[in-house]
């Protein structure tokens, strides 16, 4: 009776919060020159960082009693 199981190991909530802080930091850098540009930069960089976190989230799987 072998059951397959898989689970993604998502980052902790504070890692996602730090992604927002770091994205905001990029925006603050650009805000000196353009406020709308700074806001856009913050949103885009936060989205890119979040996408990279999601894409690199590891997955554990057990198939036929073997951990993969």
C-alpha atoms as a PDB file:
ATOM      1  CA  UNK A   1       0.000   0.000   0.000  1.00  0.00           C
ATOM      2  CA  UNK A   2       2.274   2.754  -1.283  1.00  0.00           C
ATOM      3  CA  UNK A   3       0.823   6.225  -1.364  1.00  0.00           C
ATOM      4  CA  UNK A   4       2.411   9.127  -3.183  1.00  0.00           C
ATOM      5  CA  UNK A   5       2.779  12.373  -1.293  1.00  0.00           C
ATOM      6  CA  UNK A   6       4.231  15.730  -2.266  1.00  0.00           C
ATOM      7  CA  UNK A   7       4.437  19.078  -0.517  1.00  0.00           C
ATOM      8  CA  UNK A   8       5.945  22.460  -1.363  1.00  0.00           C
ATOM      9  CA  UNK A   9       8.072  24.071   1.340  1.00  0.00           C
ATOM     10  CA  UNK A  10       6.899  27.669   1.027  1.00  0.00           C
ATOM     11  CA  UNK A  11       8.980  30.425   2.618  1.00  0.00           C
ATOM     12  CA  UNK A  12       7.891  31.797   5.991  1.00  0.00           C
ATOM     13  CA  UNK A  13       5.680  34.891   6.124  1.00  0.00           C
ATOM     14  CA  UNK A  14       8.586  37.116   7.111  1.00  0.00           C
ATOM     15  CA  UNK A  15      10.504  36.176   3.952  1.00  0.00           C
ATOM     16  CA  UNK A  16       7.560  37.417   1.875  1.00  0.00           C
ATOM     17  CA  UNK A  17       7.456  40.590   3.992  1.00  0.00           C
ATOM     18  CA  UNK A  18      11.162  41.145   3.366  1.00  0.00           C
ATOM     19  CA  UNK A  19      10.509  40.796  -0.366  1.00  0.00           C
ATOM     20  CA  UNK A  20       8.178  43.778  -0.045  1.00  0.00           C
ATOM     21  CA  UNK A  21      10.715  45.748   1.997  1.00  0.00           C
ATOM     22  CA  UNK A  22      13.495  45.082  -0.508  1.00  0.00           C
ATOM     23  CA  UNK A  23      11.205  45.971  -3.428  1.00  0.00           C
ATOM     24  CA  UNK A  24      10.296  49.172  -1.617  1.00  0.00           C
ATOM     25  CA  UNK A  25      13.990  49.944  -1.201  1.00  0.00           C
ATOM     26  CA  UNK A  26      14.441  49.790  -4.962  1.00  0.00           C
ATOM     27  CA  UNK A  27      11.524  52.180  -5.293  1.00  0.00           C
ATOM     28  CA  UNK A  28      12.991  54.620  -2.785  1.00  0.00           C
ATOM     29  CA  UNK A  29      16.180  54.760  -4.824  1.00  0.00           C
ATOM     30  CA  UNK A  30      14.282  55.849  -7.937  1.00  0.00           C
ATOM     31  CA  UNK A  31      11.864  58.165  -6.065  1.00  0.00           C
ATOM     32  CA  UNK A  32      14.611  60.783  -5.819  1.00  0.00           C
ATOM     33  CA  UNK A  33      14.229  61.312  -9.572  1.00  0.00           C
ATOM     34  CA  UNK A  34      10.543  60.506 -10.145  1.00  0.00           C
ATOM     35  CA  UNK A  35       7.799  59.668  -7.627  1.00  0.00           C
ATOM     36  CA  UNK A  36       5.609  57.738 -10.098  1.00  0.00           C
ATOM     37  CA  UNK A  37       8.722  55.969 -11.361  1.00  0.00           C
ATOM     38  CA  UNK A  38       9.664  55.069  -7.817  1.00  0.00           C
ATOM     39  CA  UNK A  39       6.242  53.617  -7.103  1.00  0.00           C
ATOM     40  CA  UNK A  40       6.318  51.638 -10.337  1.00  0.00           C
ATOM     41  CA  UNK A  41       9.826  50.389  -9.600  1.00  0.00           C
ATOM     42  CA  UNK A  42       8.776  49.266  -6.110  1.00  0.00           C
ATOM     43  CA  UNK A  43       5.776  47.343  -7.449  1.00  0.00           C
ATOM     44  CA  UNK A  44       7.699  45.731 -10.305  1.00  0.00           C
ATOM     45  CA  UNK A  45      10.689  44.745  -8.167  1.00  0.00           C
ATOM     46  CA  UNK A  46       8.448  43.331  -5.433  1.00  0.00           C
ATOM     47  CA  UNK A  47       6.621  41.260  -8.057  1.00  0.00           C
ATOM     48  CA  UNK A  48       9.907  40.005  -9.518  1.00  0.00           C
ATOM     49  CA  UNK A  49      11.276  39.053  -6.098  1.00  0.00           C
ATOM     50  CA  UNK A  50       8.012  37.276  -5.186  1.00  0.00           C
ATOM     51  CA  UNK A  51       8.045  35.403  -8.515  1.00  0.00           C
ATOM     52  CA  UNK A  52      11.624  34.288  -7.917  1.00  0.00           C
ATOM     53  CA  UNK A  53      10.717  33.095  -4.413  1.00  0.00           C
ATOM     54  CA  UNK A  54       7.761  31.119  -5.737  1.00  0.00           C
ATOM     55  CA  UNK A  55       9.758  29.642  -8.628  1.00  0.00           C
ATOM     56  CA  UNK A  56      12.557  28.473  -6.325  1.00  0.00           C
ATOM     57  CA  UNK A  57      10.335  26.926  -3.672  1.00  0.00           C
ATOM     58  CA  UNK A  58      11.491  23.319  -3.185  1.00  0.00           C
ATOM     59  CA  UNK A  59       9.124  20.370  -3.300  1.00  0.00           C
ATOM     60  CA  UNK A  60       9.422  17.209  -1.251  1.00  0.00           C
ATOM     61  CA  UNK A  61       7.863  14.069  -2.625  1.00  0.00           C
ATOM     62  CA  UNK A  62       7.560  10.486  -1.446  1.00  0.00           C
ATOM     63  CA  UNK A  63       6.906   7.980  -4.202  1.00  0.00           C
ATOM     64  CA  UNK A  64       6.991   4.249  -3.681  1.00  0.00           C
ATOM     65  CA  UNK A  65       8.416   4.800  -0.203  1.00  0.00           C
ATOM     66  CA  UNK A  66      11.402   6.808  -1.467  1.00  0.00           C
ATOM     67  CA  UNK A  67      12.015  10.459  -0.639  1.00  0.00           C
ATOM     68  CA  UNK A  68      12.674  12.571  -3.742  1.00  0.00           C
END
